[in-house]
C-alpha cells in the first residue's frame, strides 16, 4: 500500500520535473513573441534660402550671402516676417534687409502615420546688396506643401498667387518653363515657378526658385550672382511596420576557432549568455531530482 502510494507521486514528480525543465529553458533563454516596429517620417520647410556670391570693389573682395528664414525640420514651426544680414563693405557695414513680408511661416510635422511640411509667405520683398531701393522680386502670396502619409502616394503642391514684380517690372509666370527678366544697367533674373517632385516615398515642392545676376550700372561696386529659393517644403513617408517572428529575432552566431585567446571570456559572442550555465544547471537538477524519486520508489517497492 505504502509503496504503491509513494510510487505514483514519485513518477508524477519526475514527469512534472522533466516537463518543467524542458518548458522553462526556452523561456529563460529569451525566445520572444512576434512584434512590430515603426519609424517616424521626415519633413522640412523653409521660407527663404539664399546661396549668393557678392563681389565688392571690382571683385577685389568676395563674400558669400548664405542666409535662411524660418528653416525648420520636424517637429517644429517658425513665424518670422523679416530677415536681415550684414556684410562687410555693404551698406556702410550696417545690417540690410534681405527679405521683408507681412506674414511668413513654416511648419514641419512628423510621426508614425504622417510627415508634412508647409510654407506660407504673404506680400514679400527680396533685396540683395547693391540694390537698396529696388527689390529683386515682389510677390503676393506664396505657398508650398509636401504631404507624405503612410499607405498613400506622396503629394506636393506649390502656388504663387497675385502680382509678381521682378527688378521693377511686372511679369507673368508660367509653369511650362522658366521666365527670364532682363533690365539694362541692373541685371537679370531667371525664375522657375512651382517645381514639384514626388517618388514612391518622398515629395518636394518649391514655389519659386530664382537665379540672380545683378551688377547695378555695371560699376562693379556690388556684383551679385547665385540662387534664391522662396517657399520650399519636403517630406518622407514614415517607414511601414515591420513584423518580426522568433525565427527573425536572431541570426546564426559566429563560431570562433577552438583555443582562440579569450574564448571563455567571449562566451556571449558565440551565442550564449551570462545566465546560460545557471539555466542549464537548474534544468539538470530538476531532471536528477525526478530520477532520484523514481529510484527511491523502486527500492521501497522491492
Foldseek 3Di string as FASTA:
>chain_A
DVLVVLQVVLLVLLVVLLVCLVVVLVVVLPQDFKDKDWFKKKKKKFFKWWFKWKAADLNPDIDTDTDTHFTDIPQDKDKDFWDWDFDPLFPPRDIATQKGFPTWMWGWHMDRFKTKIKIKTAFMFGDDTPCRPWTQKTFGIKMWMWIFGPPDFIDIWIDTDDWMAGRRRTDDDDQPDWDKDADPQWFIKIKHAWDWDGDRFKIKTFGIKMFTWTQHNVPRRITMTGMMTGIMMMMGHIGDMDMDGSVRPDDQADDDDPPPPCCVVVVVRRPHDPCVVVSVVSSVVSNVSSVVSNVVSVVVVD
